[in-house]
Amino acid sequence: MWISDDADAFDRSPTPIYLTHEESGYSNKLQHMMDHTWDGFYAGQLHKSQYIAMLQTDRDYYMEYTGTVPKDMRY
């Protein structure tokens, strides 16, 4: 799991994020988590930049962001 801790983590999303491992053929396209805010009439437009993927730990993966990469990330 990795989470953006930037000040604009709810406004800006660098998705989709592509994770690949060429030798094993692993390929995964990730999107951010769904928002669960509700203002009484519309669903909120806030999306926390948080991503989850299951990976084998003894491998190096290539991560391709399609948007601006957050400066402050927790892994």
N, C-alpha and C. Protein backbone atom coordinates (compact mmCIF):
# COMPACT_ATOMS: atom_id res chain seq x y z
N MET A 1 0.85 -1.16 0.00
CA MET A 1 0.00 0.00 0.00
C MET A 1 0.90 1.23 0.00
N TRP A 2 0.51 2.24 -0.73
CA TRP A 2 1.19 3.52 -0.66
C TRP A 2 0.17 4.63 -0.70
N ILE A 3 0.47 5.70 0.03
CA ILE A 3 -0.46 6.79 0.27
C ILE A 3 0.27 8.11 0.06
N SER A 4 -0.35 9.03 -0.63
CA SER A 4 0.20 10.37 -0.79
C SER A 4 -0.11 11.19 0.47
N ASP A 5 0.91 11.84 0.99
CA ASP A 5 0.73 12.74 2.13
C ASP A 5 0.91 14.20 1.72
N ASP A 6 0.86 14.49 0.42
CA ASP A 6 0.93 15.86 -0.05
C ASP A 6 -0.30 16.64 0.42
N ALA A 7 -0.18 17.94 0.48
CA ALA A 7 -1.30 18.79 0.91
C ALA A 7 -2.50 18.66 -0.02
N ASP A 8 -2.26 18.35 -1.29
CA ASP A 8 -3.35 18.22 -2.25
C ASP A 8 -3.71 16.76 -2.54
N ALA A 9 -3.50 15.88 -1.58
CA ALA A 9 -3.73 14.44 -1.77
C ALA A 9 -5.19 14.10 -2.07
N PHE A 10 -6.13 14.96 -1.71
CA PHE A 10 -7.54 14.71 -1.99
C PHE A 10 -8.00 15.37 -3.30
N ASP A 11 -7.18 16.27 -3.84
CA ASP A 11 -7.56 17.01 -5.04
C ASP A 11 -6.88 16.51 -6.31
N ARG A 12 -5.67 16.01 -6.17
CA ARG A 12 -4.87 15.61 -7.33
C ARG A 12 -4.59 14.12 -7.25
N SER A 13 -4.71 13.46 -8.38
CA SER A 13 -4.50 12.02 -8.41
C SER A 13 -3.61 11.64 -9.59
N PRO A 14 -2.49 10.96 -9.34
CA PRO A 14 -1.57 10.59 -10.43
C PRO A 14 -1.96 9.28 -11.10
N THR A 15 -3.23 9.03 -11.28
CA THR A 15 -3.69 7.74 -11.81
C THR A 15 -4.01 7.81 -13.29
N PRO A 16 -4.03 6.67 -13.94
CA PRO A 16 -3.70 5.35 -13.38
C PRO A 16 -2.20 5.19 -13.18
N ILE A 17 -1.84 4.24 -12.33
CA ILE A 17 -0.45 3.88 -12.09
C ILE A 17 -0.28 2.46 -12.62
N TYR A 18 0.74 2.26 -13.43
CA TYR A 18 1.00 0.95 -14.00
C TYR A 18 2.17 0.30 -13.26
N LEU A 19 1.96 -0.92 -12.76
CA LEU A 19 3.01 -1.71 -12.12
C LEU A 19 3.31 -2.89 -13.03
N THR A 20 4.59 -3.09 -13.33
CA THR A 20 4.95 -4.21 -14.18
C THR A 20 6.22 -4.89 -13.69
N HIS A 21 6.34 -6.16 -13.99
CA HIS A 21 7.56 -6.93 -13.77
C HIS A 21 7.75 -7.74 -15.04
N GLU A 22 8.70 -7.32 -15.85
CA GLU A 22 8.86 -7.87 -17.19
C GLU A 22 9.17 -9.37 -17.20
N GLU A 23 10.04 -9.83 -16.32
CA GLU A 23 10.45 -11.24 -16.32
C GLU A 23 9.29 -12.19 -16.01
N SER A 24 8.42 -11.80 -15.08
CA SER A 24 7.31 -12.68 -14.69
C SER A 24 6.05 -12.43 -15.51
N GLY A 25 6.00 -11.30 -16.23
CA GLY A 25 4.81 -10.95 -16.99
C GLY A 25 3.74 -10.26 -16.16
N TYR A 26 4.07 -9.90 -14.90
CA TYR A 26 3.11 -9.23 -14.03
C TYR A 26 2.81 -7.84 -14.58
N SER A 27 1.54 -7.49 -14.64
CA SER A 27 1.10 -6.18 -15.10
C SER A 27 -0.19 -5.82 -14.36
N ASN A 28 -0.22 -4.63 -13.79
CA ASN A 28 -1.38 -4.20 -13.03
C ASN A 28 -1.59 -2.71 -13.23
N LYS A 29 -2.83 -2.31 -13.50
CA LYS A 29 -3.20 -0.91 -13.66
C LYS A 29 -4.00 -0.52 -12.42
N LEU A 30 -3.50 0.46 -11.65
CA LEU A 30 -4.13 0.84 -10.39
C LEU A 30 -4.82 2.19 -10.48
N GLN A 31 -5.94 2.29 -9.79
CA GLN A 31 -6.68 3.54 -9.63
C GLN A 31 -6.75 3.88 -8.14
N HIS A 32 -7.14 5.09 -7.80
CA HIS A 32 -7.25 5.47 -6.39
C HIS A 32 -8.50 4.86 -5.77
N MET A 33 -8.56 4.93 -4.46
CA MET A 33 -9.69 4.39 -3.72
C MET A 33 -10.94 5.23 -3.99
N MET A 34 -12.10 4.62 -3.91
CA MET A 34 -13.37 5.32 -4.12
C MET A 34 -13.66 6.26 -2.95
N ASP A 35 -14.29 7.39 -3.26
CA ASP A 35 -14.65 8.32 -2.18
C ASP A 35 -15.94 7.86 -1.50
N HIS A 36 -16.08 8.19 -0.25
CA HIS A 36 -17.28 7.84 0.51
C HIS A 36 -17.87 9.07 1.20
N THR A 37 -17.62 10.24 0.62
CA THR A 37 -18.19 11.46 1.19
C THR A 37 -19.55 11.72 0.56
N TRP A 38 -20.41 12.36 1.32
CA TRP A 38 -21.76 12.65 0.85
C TRP A 38 -22.19 13.96 1.48
N ASP A 39 -22.65 14.89 0.64
CA ASP A 39 -23.05 16.20 1.18
C ASP A 39 -24.56 16.36 1.25
N GLY A 40 -25.31 15.28 1.16
CA GLY A 40 -26.75 15.34 1.25
C GLY A 40 -27.46 15.23 -0.08
N PHE A 41 -26.77 15.59 -1.16
CA PHE A 41 -27.39 15.52 -2.47
C PHE A 41 -26.47 14.87 -3.51
N TYR A 42 -25.19 15.24 -3.49
CA TYR A 42 -24.22 14.69 -4.43
C TYR A 42 -23.14 13.92 -3.69
N ALA A 43 -22.57 12.93 -4.37
CA ALA A 43 -21.38 12.28 -3.82
C ALA A 43 -20.23 13.28 -3.91
N GLY A 44 -19.34 13.23 -2.94
CA GLY A 44 -18.20 14.15 -2.92
C GLY A 44 -17.23 13.86 -4.06
N GLN A 45 -16.42 14.82 -4.37
CA GLN A 45 -15.42 14.66 -5.43
C GLN A 45 -14.01 14.51 -4.86
N LEU A 46 -13.91 14.14 -3.60
CA LEU A 46 -12.61 13.96 -2.96
C LEU A 46 -12.19 12.50 -3.04
N HIS A 47 -10.98 12.28 -3.49
CA HIS A 47 -10.44 10.92 -3.60
C HIS A 47 -9.06 10.91 -2.97
N LYS A 48 -8.89 10.18 -1.90
CA LYS A 48 -7.57 10.06 -1.27
C LYS A 48 -6.65 9.31 -2.22
N SER A 49 -5.46 9.85 -2.45
CA SER A 49 -4.48 9.19 -3.30
C SER A 49 -3.85 8.04 -2.51
N GLN A 50 -4.51 6.90 -2.56
CA GLN A 50 -4.10 5.71 -1.81
C GLN A 50 -4.26 4.51 -2.73
N TYR A 51 -3.23 3.66 -2.77
CA TYR A 51 -3.20 2.55 -3.73
C TYR A 51 -2.78 1.27 -3.05
N ILE A 52 -3.35 0.15 -3.50
CA ILE A 52 -3.06 -1.15 -2.92
C ILE A 52 -2.76 -2.13 -4.05
N ALA A 53 -1.70 -2.92 -3.87
CA ALA A 53 -1.39 -3.99 -4.82
C ALA A 53 -0.70 -5.11 -4.05
N MET A 54 -0.94 -6.34 -4.47
CA MET A 54 -0.25 -7.48 -3.88
C MET A 54 0.93 -7.83 -4.79
N LEU A 55 2.13 -7.79 -4.19
CA LEU A 55 3.35 -8.02 -4.95
C LEU A 55 4.21 -9.08 -4.29
N GLN A 56 4.98 -9.78 -5.10
CA GLN A 56 5.97 -10.70 -4.56
C GLN A 56 7.16 -9.86 -4.10
N THR A 57 7.63 -10.07 -2.88
CA THR A 57 8.58 -9.14 -2.27
C THR A 57 10.02 -9.27 -2.75
N ASP A 58 10.41 -10.34 -3.39
CA ASP A 58 11.81 -10.49 -3.79
C ASP A 58 12.06 -10.04 -5.24
N ARG A 59 11.23 -9.14 -5.73
CA ARG A 59 11.35 -8.66 -7.11
C ARG A 59 11.37 -7.14 -7.16
N ASP A 60 11.92 -6.61 -8.23
CA ASP A 60 11.90 -5.17 -8.48
C ASP A 60 10.83 -4.89 -9.53
N TYR A 61 9.95 -3.96 -9.23
CA TYR A 61 8.84 -3.62 -10.13
C TYR A 61 9.05 -2.24 -10.73
N TYR A 62 8.53 -2.06 -11.91
CA TYR A 62 8.56 -0.77 -12.57
C TYR A 62 7.22 -0.09 -12.32
N MET A 63 7.26 1.15 -11.80
CA MET A 63 6.03 1.93 -11.55
C MET A 63 6.00 3.10 -12.52
N GLU A 64 4.93 3.19 -13.28
CA GLU A 64 4.76 4.30 -14.22
C GLU A 64 3.55 5.12 -13.81
N TYR A 65 3.80 6.34 -13.36
CA TYR A 65 2.73 7.27 -13.00
C TYR A 65 2.30 8.02 -14.25
N THR A 66 1.02 8.24 -14.43
CA THR A 66 0.53 8.99 -15.59
C THR A 66 0.21 10.43 -15.24
N GLY A 67 0.44 10.80 -13.98
CA GLY A 67 0.26 12.17 -13.52
C GLY A 67 1.48 12.58 -12.70
N THR A 68 1.42 13.75 -12.11
CA THR A 68 2.52 14.25 -11.30
C THR A 68 2.68 13.39 -10.05
N VAL A 69 3.88 12.89 -9.85
CA VAL A 69 4.18 12.03 -8.71
C VAL A 69 4.18 12.86 -7.42
N PRO A 70 3.49 12.40 -6.38
CA PRO A 70 3.50 13.13 -5.10
C PRO A 70 4.92 13.22 -4.54
N LYS A 71 5.20 14.32 -3.85
CA LYS A 71 6.52 14.50 -3.24
C LYS A 71 6.64 13.72 -1.94
N ASP A 72 5.54 13.55 -1.24
CA ASP A 72 5.56 12.89 0.07
C ASP A 72 4.66 11.65 0.02
N MET A 73 5.29 10.47 -0.05
CA MET A 73 4.54 9.22 -0.13
C MET A 73 4.95 8.30 1.02
N ARG A 74 3.98 7.55 1.52
CA ARG A 74 4.25 6.48 2.51
C ARG A 74 4.05 5.15 1.80
N TYR A 75 4.98 4.22 2.00
CA TYR A 75 4.89 2.88 1.40
C TYR A 75 4.76 1.86 2.50
